[in-house]
């Protein structure tokens, strides 16, 4: 189960000591602080590039929980993974 970081992203890397981190937001302090997972039932996430919408999930690539907005964010791979 992925950790959720204070920046809103799912942890997508680990520090050298094995702690979860959001590599997108590092070196900001929030990238290193784990927070409690929120129930995402009924929420949708939109791809930040192509606009595709899917059910929100902490397992989506580059997932970002956006509690103050109607939609969360993720990347669908629409432009590749390079």
C-alpha atoms as a PDB file:
ATOM      1  CA  UNK A   1       0.000   0.000   0.000  1.00  0.00           C
ATOM      2  CA  UNK A   2       1.469   3.338  -1.051  1.00  0.00           C
ATOM      3  CA  UNK A   3       2.065   6.058   1.495  1.00  0.00           C
ATOM      4  CA  UNK A   4       0.543   9.493   0.992  1.00  0.00           C
ATOM      5  CA  UNK A   5       2.771  12.473   1.548  1.00  0.00           C
ATOM      6  CA  UNK A   6       1.868  15.920   2.907  1.00  0.00           C
ATOM      7  CA  UNK A   7       2.359  17.402  -0.574  1.00  0.00           C
ATOM      8  CA  UNK A   8      -0.715  15.398  -1.718  1.00  0.00           C
ATOM      9  CA  UNK A   9       1.117  12.913  -3.946  1.00  0.00           C
ATOM     10  CA  UNK A  10       1.420   9.204  -3.398  1.00  0.00           C
ATOM     11  CA  UNK A  11       4.961   8.276  -2.418  1.00  0.00           C
ATOM     12  CA  UNK A  12       6.765   7.382  -5.638  1.00  0.00           C
ATOM     13  CA  UNK A  13      10.292   6.762  -4.351  1.00  0.00           C
ATOM     14  CA  UNK A  14      12.244   5.944  -1.193  1.00  0.00           C
ATOM     15  CA  UNK A  15      15.111   7.692   0.556  1.00  0.00           C
ATOM     16  CA  UNK A  16      18.427   5.896   0.980  1.00  0.00           C
ATOM     17  CA  UNK A  17      17.212   4.839   4.426  1.00  0.00           C
ATOM     18  CA  UNK A  18      14.042   3.321   2.916  1.00  0.00           C
ATOM     19  CA  UNK A  19      11.522   5.982   3.954  1.00  0.00           C
ATOM     20  CA  UNK A  20       8.812   6.967   1.426  1.00  0.00           C
ATOM     21  CA  UNK A  21       9.194  10.251  -0.428  1.00  0.00           C
ATOM     22  CA  UNK A  22       7.531  12.193  -3.234  1.00  0.00           C
ATOM     23  CA  UNK A  23      10.302  12.709  -5.753  1.00  0.00           C
ATOM     24  CA  UNK A  24       8.141  15.258  -7.605  1.00  0.00           C
ATOM     25  CA  UNK A  25       8.150  17.661  -4.654  1.00  0.00           C
ATOM     26  CA  UNK A  26      11.525  16.853  -3.079  1.00  0.00           C
ATOM     27  CA  UNK A  27      13.381  18.672  -1.554  1.00  0.00           C
ATOM     28  CA  UNK A  28      10.330  20.428  -0.057  1.00  0.00           C
ATOM     29  CA  UNK A  29       9.709  19.239   3.526  1.00  0.00           C
ATOM     30  CA  UNK A  30       6.149  18.101   2.690  1.00  0.00           C
ATOM     31  CA  UNK A  31       7.605  15.519   0.298  1.00  0.00           C
ATOM     32  CA  UNK A  32       9.018  13.600   3.272  1.00  0.00           C
ATOM     33  CA  UNK A  33       6.030  13.739   5.665  1.00  0.00           C
ATOM     34  CA  UNK A  34       3.536  10.869   5.606  1.00  0.00           C
ATOM     35  CA  UNK A  35      -0.127  11.688   6.254  1.00  0.00           C
ATOM     36  CA  UNK A  36      -3.177   9.529   6.829  1.00  0.00           C
ATOM     37  CA  UNK A  37      -4.837   8.159   3.706  1.00  0.00           C
ATOM     38  CA  UNK A  38      -8.240   9.622   2.853  1.00  0.00           C
ATOM     39  CA  UNK A  39     -11.113   7.490   1.560  1.00  0.00           C
ATOM     40  CA  UNK A  40     -11.292   8.260  -2.165  1.00  0.00           C
ATOM     41  CA  UNK A  41     -14.663   6.594  -2.762  1.00  0.00           C
ATOM     42  CA  UNK A  42     -16.676   8.640  -5.249  1.00  0.00           C
ATOM     43  CA  UNK A  43     -13.770  10.898  -6.236  1.00  0.00           C
ATOM     44  CA  UNK A  44     -12.439  11.245  -9.781  1.00  0.00           C
ATOM     45  CA  UNK A  45      -8.944  12.041 -11.042  1.00  0.00           C
ATOM     46  CA  UNK A  46      -8.092  13.778 -14.309  1.00  0.00           C
ATOM     47  CA  UNK A  47      -4.912  13.222 -16.343  1.00  0.00           C
ATOM     48  CA  UNK A  48      -2.891  16.412 -16.200  1.00  0.00           C
ATOM     49  CA  UNK A  49      -2.118  16.166 -19.931  1.00  0.00           C
ATOM     50  CA  UNK A  50      -4.961  14.567 -21.903  1.00  0.00           C
ATOM     51  CA  UNK A  51      -7.867  15.191 -19.513  1.00  0.00           C
ATOM     52  CA  UNK A  52      -8.919  11.528 -19.236  1.00  0.00           C
ATOM     53  CA  UNK A  53     -10.963  10.931 -16.066  1.00  0.00           C
ATOM     54  CA  UNK A  54     -10.891   7.782 -13.946  1.00  0.00           C
ATOM     55  CA  UNK A  55     -11.788   6.813 -10.387  1.00  0.00           C
ATOM     56  CA  UNK A  56      -9.271   8.266  -7.940  1.00  0.00           C
ATOM     57  CA  UNK A  57      -6.764   5.768  -6.563  1.00  0.00           C
ATOM     58  CA  UNK A  58      -3.499   6.086  -4.683  1.00  0.00           C
ATOM     59  CA  UNK A  59      -2.136   3.527  -7.162  1.00  0.00           C
ATOM     60  CA  UNK A  60      -2.525   5.830 -10.195  1.00  0.00           C
ATOM     61  CA  UNK A  61       0.776   7.051 -11.672  1.00  0.00           C
ATOM     62  CA  UNK A  62       1.825  10.422 -10.206  1.00  0.00           C
ATOM     63  CA  UNK A  63      -1.445  10.582  -8.247  1.00  0.00           C
ATOM     64  CA  UNK A  64      -2.117  13.834  -6.381  1.00  0.00           C
ATOM     65  CA  UNK A  65      -4.980  14.141  -3.905  1.00  0.00           C
ATOM     66  CA  UNK A  66      -6.484  17.631  -4.234  1.00  0.00           C
ATOM     67  CA  UNK A  67      -8.991  17.976  -1.395  1.00  0.00           C
ATOM     68  CA  UNK A  68      -9.948  21.572  -2.188  1.00  0.00           C
ATOM     69  CA  UNK A  69     -10.714  20.840  -5.858  1.00  0.00           C
ATOM     70  CA  UNK A  70     -13.425  18.755  -7.525  1.00  0.00           C
ATOM     71  CA  UNK A  71     -10.882  16.455  -9.228  1.00  0.00           C
ATOM     72  CA  UNK A  72      -7.627  14.837  -8.191  1.00  0.00           C
ATOM     73  CA  UNK A  73      -4.726  14.621 -10.640  1.00  0.00           C
ATOM     74  CA  UNK A  74      -2.625  11.852 -12.200  1.00  0.00           C
ATOM     75  CA  UNK A  75      -0.729  11.049 -15.395  1.00  0.00           C
ATOM     76  CA  UNK A  76      -2.267   8.428 -17.708  1.00  0.00           C
ATOM     77  CA  UNK A  77       0.840   7.805 -19.820  1.00  0.00           C
ATOM     78  CA  UNK A  78      -0.827   9.440 -22.818  1.00  0.00           C
ATOM     79  CA  UNK A  79       2.472  10.965 -24.008  1.00  0.00           C
ATOM     80  CA  UNK A  80       4.615   7.984 -23.059  1.00  0.00           C
ATOM     81  CA  UNK A  81       6.874   7.274 -20.101  1.00  0.00           C
ATOM     82  CA  UNK A  82      10.230   8.585 -21.322  1.00  0.00           C
END
